[in-house]
Amino acid sequence: MSNLEFFGYLFAYGAILTYLVLGFIVSFESILALYEVPAAVRWIREWHSPAGYRRMLMLFFPMLQLAYLFLELIPHLLGLSDERRPFDPDRIWWAAFGEDG
């Protein structure tokens, strides 16, 4: 294996793992914002600008859908959760920034 091939693999795996880790973080805080948890809303407002957070919602949309599936839809279908809010990224953004955004 040449150095170029090694660094190519290193970059590819590093990019994939970075996307997965950041996507998990953004999707988890977004699901909490969907339910208007005050700590999550404070966290989002402290660390993200409204335009930046909207871009992150679009960038990590597949991870957001997976988080919604595993944290909301499957528990609701199994009868573990009574309340289920519909999946709506605009509603998530509005819950996080509302009138301020």
C-alpha atoms as a PDB file:
ATOM      1  CA  MET A   1       0.000   0.000   0.000  1.00  0.00           C
ATOM      2  CA  SER A   2       1.425   3.325  -1.020  1.00  0.00           C
ATOM      3  CA  ASN A   3       1.352   6.469   1.082  1.00  0.00           C
ATOM      4  CA  LEU A   4      -1.153   8.090  -1.272  1.00  0.00           C
ATOM      5  CA  GLU A   5      -3.537   5.155  -0.967  1.00  0.00           C
ATOM      6  CA  PHE A   6      -3.152   5.119   2.819  1.00  0.00           C
ATOM      7  CA  PHE A   7      -3.953   8.820   3.154  1.00  0.00           C
ATOM      8  CA  GLY A   8      -6.866   8.428   0.737  1.00  0.00           C
ATOM      9  CA  TYR A   9      -8.375   5.744   2.962  1.00  0.00           C
ATOM     10  CA  LEU A  10      -7.606   7.803   6.062  1.00  0.00           C
ATOM     11  CA  PHE A  11      -9.397  10.824   4.612  1.00  0.00           C
ATOM     12  CA  ALA A  12     -12.398   8.781   3.427  1.00  0.00           C
ATOM     13  CA  TYR A  13     -12.889   6.952   6.722  1.00  0.00           C
ATOM     14  CA  GLY A  14     -12.280  10.129   8.700  1.00  0.00           C
ATOM     15  CA  ALA A  15     -14.887  12.030   6.687  1.00  0.00           C
ATOM     16  CA  ILE A  16     -17.472   9.246   7.088  1.00  0.00           C
ATOM     17  CA  LEU A  17     -16.915   8.924  10.836  1.00  0.00           C
ATOM     18  CA  THR A  18     -17.018  12.704  11.289  1.00  0.00           C
ATOM     19  CA  TYR A  19     -20.325  12.880   9.426  1.00  0.00           C
ATOM     20  CA  LEU A  20     -21.782  10.079  11.570  1.00  0.00           C
ATOM     21  CA  VAL A  21     -20.669  11.580  14.886  1.00  0.00           C
ATOM     22  CA  LEU A  22     -21.737  15.147  14.070  1.00  0.00           C
ATOM     23  CA  GLY A  23     -24.960  13.858  12.521  1.00  0.00           C
ATOM     24  CA  PHE A  24     -25.784  11.921  15.687  1.00  0.00           C
ATOM     25  CA  ILE A  25     -25.208  15.018  17.826  1.00  0.00           C
ATOM     26  CA  VAL A  26     -27.268  17.333  15.610  1.00  0.00           C
ATOM     27  CA  SER A  27     -30.083  14.817  15.192  1.00  0.00           C
ATOM     28  CA  PHE A  28     -30.307  14.117  18.920  1.00  0.00           C
ATOM     29  CA  GLU A  29     -30.458  17.802  19.843  1.00  0.00           C
ATOM     30  CA  SER A  30     -32.973  18.377  17.026  1.00  0.00           C
ATOM     31  CA  ILE A  31     -35.309  15.656  18.297  1.00  0.00           C
ATOM     32  CA  LEU A  32     -35.125  17.248  21.738  1.00  0.00           C
ATOM     33  CA  ALA A  33     -35.883  20.639  20.178  1.00  0.00           C
ATOM     34  CA  LEU A  34     -38.897  19.109  18.415  1.00  0.00           C
ATOM     35  CA  TYR A  35     -40.356  18.506  21.880  1.00  0.00           C
ATOM     36  CA  GLU A  36     -39.258  22.013  22.961  1.00  0.00           C
ATOM     37  CA  VAL A  37     -36.967  20.849  25.761  1.00  0.00           C
ATOM     38  CA  PRO A  38     -35.635  24.119  27.242  1.00  0.00           C
ATOM     39  CA  ALA A  39     -32.073  22.846  27.743  1.00  0.00           C
ATOM     40  CA  ALA A  40     -31.846  21.710  24.110  1.00  0.00           C
ATOM     41  CA  VAL A  41     -33.245  25.001  22.816  1.00  0.00           C
ATOM     42  CA  ARG A  42     -30.716  26.923  24.964  1.00  0.00           C
ATOM     43  CA  TRP A  43     -27.900  24.708  23.666  1.00  0.00           C
ATOM     44  CA  ILE A  44     -28.892  25.238  20.032  1.00  0.00           C
ATOM     45  CA  ARG A  45     -29.222  29.004  20.460  1.00  0.00           C
ATOM     46  CA  GLU A  46     -25.880  29.203  22.237  1.00  0.00           C
ATOM     47  CA  TRP A  47     -23.859  27.182  19.726  1.00  0.00           C
ATOM     48  CA  HIS A  48     -25.600  27.805  16.370  1.00  0.00           C
ATOM     49  CA  SER A  49     -26.769  30.778  14.369  1.00  0.00           C
ATOM     50  CA  PRO A  50     -30.235  30.488  12.784  1.00  0.00           C
ATOM     51  CA  ALA A  51     -28.838  30.221   9.241  1.00  0.00           C
ATOM     52  CA  GLY A  52     -26.112  27.797  10.294  1.00  0.00           C
ATOM     53  CA  TYR A  53     -28.542  25.553  12.116  1.00  0.00           C
ATOM     54  CA  ARG A  54     -30.837  25.440   9.087  1.00  0.00           C
ATOM     55  CA  ARG A  55     -27.867  24.375   6.944  1.00  0.00           C
ATOM     56  CA  MET A  56     -27.000  21.684   9.471  1.00  0.00           C
ATOM     57  CA  LEU A  57     -30.576  20.400   9.406  1.00  0.00           C
ATOM     58  CA  MET A  58     -30.331  20.044   5.631  1.00  0.00           C
ATOM     59  CA  LEU A  59     -26.833  18.541   5.706  1.00  0.00           C
ATOM     60  CA  PHE A  60     -27.694  15.937   8.342  1.00  0.00           C
ATOM     61  CA  PHE A  61     -31.227  15.239   7.111  1.00  0.00           C
ATOM     62  CA  PRO A  62     -30.643  11.464   6.676  1.00  0.00           C
ATOM     63  CA  MET A  63     -29.295  11.204  10.228  1.00  0.00           C
ATOM     64  CA  LEU A  64     -32.251  13.232  11.468  1.00  0.00           C
ATOM     65  CA  GLN A  65     -34.652  10.810   9.795  1.00  0.00           C
ATOM     66  CA  LEU A  66     -32.858   7.830  11.355  1.00  0.00           C
ATOM     67  CA  ALA A  67     -32.987   9.429  14.795  1.00  0.00           C
ATOM     68  CA  TYR A  68     -36.694  10.130  14.368  1.00  0.00           C
ATOM     69  CA  LEU A  69     -37.271   6.523  13.297  1.00  0.00           C
ATOM     70  CA  PHE A  70     -35.402   4.993  16.236  1.00  0.00           C
ATOM     71  CA  LEU A  71     -36.334   7.515  18.940  1.00  0.00           C
ATOM     72  CA  GLU A  72     -39.924   8.366  17.994  1.00  0.00           C
ATOM     73  CA  LEU A  73     -41.595   6.138  15.442  1.00  0.00           C
ATOM     74  CA  ILE A  74     -40.530   2.660  16.572  1.00  0.00           C
ATOM     75  CA  PRO A  75     -41.247   3.296  20.302  1.00  0.00           C
ATOM     76  CA  HIS A  76     -44.659   4.708  19.341  1.00  0.00           C
ATOM     77  CA  LEU A  77     -45.476   1.681  17.184  1.00  0.00           C
ATOM     78  CA  LEU A  78     -44.392  -0.682  19.983  1.00  0.00           C
ATOM     79  CA  GLY A  79     -46.677   1.144  22.428  1.00  0.00           C
ATOM     80  CA  LEU A  80     -43.850   2.519  24.569  1.00  0.00           C
ATOM     81  CA  SER A  81     -44.750   6.146  23.872  1.00  0.00           C
ATOM     82  CA  ASP A  82     -48.163   7.772  23.671  1.00  0.00           C
ATOM     83  CA  GLU A  83     -47.159  11.149  22.282  1.00  0.00           C
ATOM     84  CA  ARG A  84     -45.652  11.418  18.802  1.00  0.00           C
ATOM     85  CA  ARG A  85     -45.079  14.650  16.963  1.00  0.00           C
ATOM     86  CA  PRO A  86     -44.906  14.626  13.171  1.00  0.00           C
ATOM     87  CA  PHE A  87     -41.489  14.865  11.551  1.00  0.00           C
ATOM     88  CA  ASP A  88     -41.074  18.411  10.272  1.00  0.00           C
ATOM     89  CA  PRO A  89     -37.639  20.093  10.024  1.00  0.00           C
ATOM     90  CA  ASP A  90     -39.281  23.528   9.786  1.00  0.00           C
ATOM     91  CA  ARG A  91     -41.066  22.860  13.068  1.00  0.00           C
ATOM     92  CA  ILE A  92     -37.745  21.842  14.641  1.00  0.00           C
ATOM     93  CA  TRP A  93     -36.115  25.054  13.452  1.00  0.00           C
ATOM     94  CA  TRP A  94     -39.095  27.118  14.623  1.00  0.00           C
ATOM     95  CA  ALA A  95     -38.978  25.459  18.061  1.00  0.00           C
ATOM     96  CA  ALA A  96     -35.296  26.303  18.350  1.00  0.00           C
ATOM     97  CA  PHE A  97     -35.332  29.892  17.073  1.00  0.00           C
ATOM     98  CA  GLY A  98     -38.956  30.936  16.648  1.00  0.00           C
ATOM     99  CA  GLU A  99     -39.463  34.666  16.335  1.00  0.00           C
ATOM    100  CA  ASP A 100     -35.753  35.362  16.951  1.00  0.00           C
ATOM    101  CA  GLY A 101     -34.630  33.585  13.764  1.00  0.00           C
END
